[in-house]
Amino acid sequence: MPVVIVEMWKGRTDEQKEELIKGITEAFERIGVPAEALNIIIHDVPKANWGLHGKQASKL
């Protein structure tokens, strides 16, 4: 049972997340993993909690 964890900045709509889940599922189905066996977890991370290039992402 594969688990895909997506870490991304907070701010995507539920519709965008649904589209992302659909795309990931389709990619796994192409390599023989049935949708029923796949788990996808999305972590919405506030930019203030994300460091990028030595800075807080909210300040970039």
PDB file of N, CA and C in Angstrom:
ATOM      1  N   MET A   1       0.845  -1.170   0.000  1.00  0.00           N
ATOM      2  CA  MET A   1       0.000   0.000   0.000  1.00  0.00           C
ATOM      3  C   MET A   1       0.894   1.239   0.000  1.00  0.00           C
ATOM      4  N   PRO A   2       1.104   1.862  -1.149  1.00  0.00           N
ATOM      5  CA  PRO A   2       1.927   3.067  -1.210  1.00  0.00           C
ATOM      6  C   PRO A   2       1.258   4.238  -0.487  1.00  0.00           C
ATOM      7  N   VAL A   3       2.085   5.053   0.127  1.00  0.00           N
ATOM      8  CA  VAL A   3       1.637   6.294   0.750  1.00  0.00           C
ATOM      9  C   VAL A   3       2.429   7.425   0.111  1.00  0.00           C
ATOM     10  N   VAL A   4       1.722   8.392  -0.446  1.00  0.00           N
ATOM     11  CA  VAL A   4       2.348   9.570  -1.034  1.00  0.00           C
ATOM     12  C   VAL A   4       2.069  10.735  -0.100  1.00  0.00           C
ATOM     13  N   ILE A   5       3.129  11.410   0.335  1.00  0.00           N
ATOM     14  CA  ILE A   5       2.977  12.575   1.205  1.00  0.00           C
ATOM     15  C   ILE A   5       3.401  13.806   0.423  1.00  0.00           C
ATOM     16  N   VAL A   6       2.494  14.759   0.325  1.00  0.00           N
ATOM     17  CA  VAL A   6       2.749  16.001  -0.395  1.00  0.00           C
ATOM     18  C   VAL A   6       2.869  17.119   0.631  1.00  0.00           C
ATOM     19  N   GLU A   7       4.020  17.755   0.659  1.00  0.00           N
ATOM     20  CA  GLU A   7       4.231  18.915   1.531  1.00  0.00           C
ATOM     21  C   GLU A   7       4.212  20.138   0.627  1.00  0.00           C
ATOM     22  N   MET A   8       3.282  21.048   0.881  1.00  0.00           N
ATOM     23  CA  MET A   8       3.200  22.241   0.039  1.00  0.00           C
ATOM     24  C   MET A   8       2.689  23.415   0.854  1.00  0.00           C
ATOM     25  N   TRP A   9       2.949  24.589   0.313  1.00  0.00           N
ATOM     26  CA  TRP A   9       2.494  25.794   1.001  1.00  0.00           C
ATOM     27  C   TRP A   9       0.981  25.830   1.073  1.00  0.00           C
ATOM     28  N   LYS A  10       0.507  26.337   2.181  1.00  0.00           N
ATOM     29  CA  LYS A  10      -0.921  26.509   2.406  1.00  0.00           C
ATOM     30  C   LYS A  10      -1.477  27.510   1.391  1.00  0.00           C
ATOM     31  N   GLY A  11      -2.713  27.301   0.985  1.00  0.00           N
ATOM     32  CA  GLY A  11      -3.356  28.274   0.112  1.00  0.00           C
ATOM     33  C   GLY A  11      -4.047  27.679  -1.107  1.00  0.00           C
ATOM     34  N   ARG A  12      -3.857  26.376  -1.360  1.00  0.00           N
ATOM     35  CA  ARG A  12      -4.533  25.754  -2.495  1.00  0.00           C
ATOM     36  C   ARG A  12      -5.993  25.501  -2.128  1.00  0.00           C
ATOM     37  N   THR A  13      -6.861  25.578  -3.118  1.00  0.00           N
ATOM     38  CA  THR A  13      -8.282  25.323  -2.884  1.00  0.00           C
ATOM     39  C   THR A  13      -8.532  23.818  -2.795  1.00  0.00           C
ATOM     40  N   ASP A  14      -9.699  23.456  -2.276  1.00  0.00           N
ATOM     41  CA  ASP A  14     -10.077  22.040  -2.235  1.00  0.00           C
ATOM     42  C   ASP A  14     -10.133  21.460  -3.644  1.00  0.00           C
ATOM     43  N   GLU A  15     -10.577  22.259  -4.606  1.00  0.00           N
ATOM     44  CA  GLU A  15     -10.641  21.795  -5.993  1.00  0.00           C
ATOM     45  C   GLU A  15      -9.242  21.508  -6.535  1.00  0.00           C
ATOM     46  N   GLN A  16      -8.271  22.355  -6.223  1.00  0.00           N
ATOM     47  CA  GLN A  16      -6.895  22.126  -6.665  1.00  0.00           C
ATOM     48  C   GLN A  16      -6.321  20.869  -6.020  1.00  0.00           C
ATOM     49  N   LYS A  17      -6.616  20.674  -4.753  1.00  0.00           N
ATOM     50  CA  LYS A  17      -6.141  19.467  -4.063  1.00  0.00           C
ATOM     51  C   LYS A  17      -6.775  18.216  -4.665  1.00  0.00           C
ATOM     52  N   GLU A  18      -8.045  18.300  -4.996  1.00  0.00           N
ATOM     53  CA  GLU A  18      -8.730  17.175  -5.629  1.00  0.00           C
ATOM     54  C   GLU A  18      -8.072  16.833  -6.968  1.00  0.00           C
ATOM     55  N   GLU A  19      -7.729  17.850  -7.742  1.00  0.00           N
ATOM     56  CA  GLU A  19      -7.061  17.643  -9.029  1.00  0.00           C
ATOM     57  C   GLU A  19      -5.679  17.017  -8.835  1.00  0.00           C
ATOM     58  N   LEU A  20      -4.954  17.461  -7.821  1.00  0.00           N
ATOM     59  CA  LEU A  20      -3.645  16.897  -7.507  1.00  0.00           C
ATOM     60  C   LEU A  20      -3.773  15.420  -7.134  1.00  0.00           C
ATOM     61  N   ILE A  21      -4.723  15.106  -6.277  1.00  0.00           N
ATOM     62  CA  ILE A  21      -4.953  13.718  -5.871  1.00  0.00           C
ATOM     63  C   ILE A  21      -5.302  12.858  -7.084  1.00  0.00           C
ATOM     64  N   LYS A  22      -6.132  13.377  -7.954  1.00  0.00           N
ATOM     65  CA  LYS A  22      -6.507  12.648  -9.167  1.00  0.00           C
ATOM     66  C   LYS A  22      -5.281  12.368 -10.032  1.00  0.00           C
ATOM     67  N   GLY A  23      -4.437  13.379 -10.225  1.00  0.00           N
ATOM     68  CA  GLY A  23      -3.245  13.209 -11.054  1.00  0.00           C
ATOM     69  C   GLY A  23      -2.255  12.211 -10.474  1.00  0.00           C
ATOM     70  N   ILE A  24      -2.045  12.282  -9.172  1.00  0.00           N
ATOM     71  CA  ILE A  24      -1.136  11.336  -8.512  1.00  0.00           C
ATOM     72  C   ILE A  24      -1.688   9.917  -8.636  1.00  0.00           C
ATOM     73  N   THR A  25      -2.978   9.773  -8.416  1.00  0.00           N
ATOM     74  CA  THR A  25      -3.613   8.458  -8.517  1.00  0.00           C
ATOM     75  C   THR A  25      -3.463   7.891  -9.923  1.00  0.00           C
ATOM     76  N   GLU A  26      -3.702   8.713 -10.935  1.00  0.00           N
ATOM     77  CA  GLU A  26      -3.567   8.257 -12.323  1.00  0.00           C
ATOM     78  C   GLU A  26      -2.136   7.827 -12.627  1.00  0.00           C
ATOM     79  N   ALA A  27      -1.160   8.553 -12.104  1.00  0.00           N
ATOM     80  CA  ALA A  27       0.245   8.187 -12.326  1.00  0.00           C
ATOM     81  C   ALA A  27       0.551   6.819 -11.717  1.00  0.00           C
ATOM     82  N   PHE A  28       0.055   6.565 -10.530  1.00  0.00           N
ATOM     83  CA  PHE A  28       0.293   5.269  -9.889  1.00  0.00           C
ATOM     84  C   PHE A  28      -0.461   4.149 -10.602  1.00  0.00           C
ATOM     85  N   GLU A  29      -1.653   4.445 -11.083  1.00  0.00           N
ATOM     86  CA  GLU A  29      -2.402   3.426 -11.827  1.00  0.00           C
ATOM     87  C   GLU A  29      -1.650   3.019 -13.098  1.00  0.00           C
ATOM     88  N   ARG A  30      -0.963   3.960 -13.732  1.00  0.00           N
ATOM     89  CA  ARG A  30      -0.195   3.654 -14.946  1.00  0.00           C
ATOM     90  C   ARG A  30       0.943   2.675 -14.677  1.00  0.00           C
ATOM     91  N   ILE A  31       1.418   2.628 -13.437  1.00  0.00           N
ATOM     92  CA  ILE A  31       2.490   1.675 -13.122  1.00  0.00           C
ATOM     93  C   ILE A  31       1.952   0.444 -12.381  1.00  0.00           C
ATOM     94  N   GLY A  32       0.637   0.274 -12.429  1.00  0.00           N
ATOM     95  CA  GLY A  32       0.046  -0.949 -11.915  1.00  0.00           C
ATOM     96  C   GLY A  32      -0.451  -0.925 -10.484  1.00  0.00           C
ATOM     97  N   VAL A  33      -0.479   0.239  -9.862  1.00  0.00           N
ATOM     98  CA  VAL A  33      -0.982   0.336  -8.486  1.00  0.00           C
ATOM     99  C   VAL A  33      -2.456   0.739  -8.546  1.00  0.00           C
ATOM    100  N   PRO A  34      -3.353  -0.091  -8.037  1.00  0.00           N
ATOM    101  CA  PRO A  34      -4.769   0.272  -8.066  1.00  0.00           C
ATOM    102  C   PRO A  34      -5.066   1.429  -7.103  1.00  0.00           C
ATOM    103  N   ALA A  35      -6.021   2.242  -7.495  1.00  0.00           N
ATOM    104  CA  ALA A  35      -6.394   3.402  -6.678  1.00  0.00           C
ATOM    105  C   ALA A  35      -6.759   2.988  -5.253  1.00  0.00           C
ATOM    106  N   GLU A  36      -7.358   1.825  -5.116  1.00  0.00           N
ATOM    107  CA  GLU A  36      -7.797   1.351  -3.802  1.00  0.00           C
ATOM    108  C   GLU A  36      -6.629   1.078  -2.863  1.00  0.00           C
ATOM    109  N   ALA A  37      -5.439   0.904  -3.420  1.00  0.00           N
ATOM    110  CA  ALA A  37      -4.262   0.596  -2.598  1.00  0.00           C
ATOM    111  C   ALA A  37      -3.451   1.838  -2.246  1.00  0.00           C
ATOM    112  N   LEU A  38      -3.822   2.974  -2.789  1.00  0.00           N
ATOM    113  CA  LEU A  38      -3.023   4.194  -2.664  1.00  0.00           C
ATOM    114  C   LEU A  38      -3.575   5.125  -1.586  1.00  0.00           C
ATOM    115  N   ASN A  39      -2.675   5.661  -0.785  1.00  0.00           N
ATOM    116  CA  ASN A  39      -3.024   6.685   0.204  1.00  0.00           C
ATOM    117  C   ASN A  39      -2.240   7.945  -0.129  1.00  0.00           C
ATOM    118  N   ILE A  40      -2.917   9.077  -0.124  1.00  0.00           N
ATOM    119  CA  ILE A  40      -2.270  10.356  -0.402  1.00  0.00           C
ATOM    120  C   ILE A  40      -2.579  11.287   0.761  1.00  0.00           C
ATOM    121  N   ILE A  41      -1.529  11.864   1.310  1.00  0.00           N
ATOM    122  CA  ILE A  41      -1.666  12.787   2.440  1.00  0.00           C
ATOM    123  C   ILE A  41      -1.107  14.132   2.007  1.00  0.00           C
ATOM    124  N   ILE A  42      -1.902  15.175   2.169  1.00  0.00           N
ATOM    125  CA  ILE A  42      -1.446  16.523   1.831  1.00  0.00           C
ATOM    126  C   ILE A  42      -1.248  17.302   3.121  1.00  0.00           C
ATOM    127  N   HIS A  43      -0.038  17.808   3.304  1.00  0.00           N
ATOM    128  CA  HIS A  43       0.260  18.683   4.439  1.00  0.00           C
ATOM    129  C   HIS A  43       0.314  20.116   3.924  1.00  0.00           C
ATOM    130  N   ASP A  44      -0.596  20.940   4.383  1.00  0.00           N
ATOM    131  CA  ASP A  44      -0.591  22.367   4.061  1.00  0.00           C
ATOM    132  C   ASP A  44       0.288  23.070   5.083  1.00  0.00           C
ATOM    133  N   VAL A  45       1.401  23.582   4.641  1.00  0.00           N
ATOM    134  CA  VAL A  45       2.358  24.204   5.549  1.00  0.00           C
ATOM    135  C   VAL A  45       2.312  25.719   5.359  1.00  0.00           C
ATOM    136  N   PRO A  46       2.077  26.479   6.428  1.00  0.00           N
ATOM    137  CA  PRO A  46       2.130  27.930   6.304  1.00  0.00           C
ATOM    138  C   PRO A  46       3.534  28.373   5.883  1.00  0.00           C
ATOM    139  N   LYS A  47       3.608  29.388   5.039  1.00  0.00           N
ATOM    140  CA  LYS A  47       4.915  29.868   4.574  1.00  0.00           C
ATOM    141  C   LYS A  47       5.808  30.291   5.734  1.00  0.00           C
ATOM    142  N   ALA A  48       5.214  30.739   6.833  1.00  0.00           N
ATOM    143  CA  ALA A  48       6.009  31.134   8.000  1.00  0.00           C
ATOM    144  C   ALA A  48       6.741  29.940   8.613  1.00  0.00           C
ATOM    145  N   ASN A  49       6.264  28.728   8.336  1.00  0.00           N
ATOM    146  CA  ASN A  49       6.874  27.511   8.878  1.00  0.00           C
ATOM    147  C   ASN A  49       7.770  26.805   7.869  1.00  0.00           C
ATOM    148  N   TRP A  50       8.104  27.471   6.766  1.00  0.00           N
ATOM    149  CA  TRP A  50       8.878  26.856   5.684  1.00  0.00           C
ATOM    150  C   TRP A  50      10.126  27.691   5.448  1.00  0.00           C
ATOM    151  N   GLY A  51      11.280  27.064   5.536  1.00  0.00           N
ATOM    152  CA  GLY A  51      12.534  27.761   5.249  1.00  0.00           C
ATOM    153  C   GLY A  51      12.979  27.482   3.829  1.00  0.00           C
ATOM    154  N   LEU A  52      13.412  28.519   3.130  1.00  0.00           N
ATOM    155  CA  LEU A  52      13.824  28.384   1.739  1.00  0.00           C
ATOM    156  C   LEU A  52      14.975  29.338   1.475  1.00  0.00           C
ATOM    157  N   HIS A  53      16.083  28.812   1.001  1.00  0.00           N
ATOM    158  CA  HIS A  53      17.272  29.629   0.704  1.00  0.00           C
ATOM    159  C   HIS A  53      17.746  30.410   1.930  1.00  0.00           C
ATOM    160  N   GLY A  54      17.598  29.805   3.096  1.00  0.00           N
ATOM    161  CA  GLY A  54      18.058  30.432   4.322  1.00  0.00           C
ATOM    162  C   GLY A  54      17.124  31.485   4.883  1.00  0.00           C
ATOM    163  N   LYS A  55      15.926  31.572   4.334  1.00  0.00           N
ATOM    164  CA  LYS A  55      14.964  32.576   4.800  1.00  0.00           C
ATOM    165  C   LYS A  55      13.605  31.927   5.015  1.00  0.00           C
ATOM    166  N   GLN A  56      12.792  32.629   5.769  1.00  0.00           N
ATOM    167  CA  GLN A  56      11.416  32.211   5.970  1.00  0.00           C
ATOM    168  C   GLN A  56      10.663  32.482   4.660  1.00  0.00           C
ATOM    169  N   ALA A  57       9.964  31.482   4.138  1.00  0.00           N
ATOM    170  CA  ALA A  57       9.295  31.620   2.841  1.00  0.00           C
ATOM    171  C   ALA A  57       8.285  32.764   2.825  1.00  0.00           C
ATOM    172  N   SER A  58       7.704  33.074   3.954  1.00  0.00           N
ATOM    173  CA  SER A  58       6.728  34.167   4.011  1.00  0.00           C
ATOM    174  C   SER A  58       7.372  35.526   3.780  1.00  0.00           C
ATOM    175  N   LYS A  59       8.701  35.578   3.866  1.00  0.00           N
ATOM    176  CA  LYS A  59       9.403  36.856   3.688  1.00  0.00           C
ATOM    177  C   LYS A  59      10.089  36.956   2.330  1.00  0.00           C
ATOM    178  N   LEU A  60       9.873  35.986   1.477  1.00  0.00           N
ATOM    179  CA  LEU A  60      10.467  36.021   0.137  1.00  0.00           C
ATOM    180  C   LEU A  60       9.557  36.715  -0.841  1.00  0.00           C
TER     181      LEU A  60
END
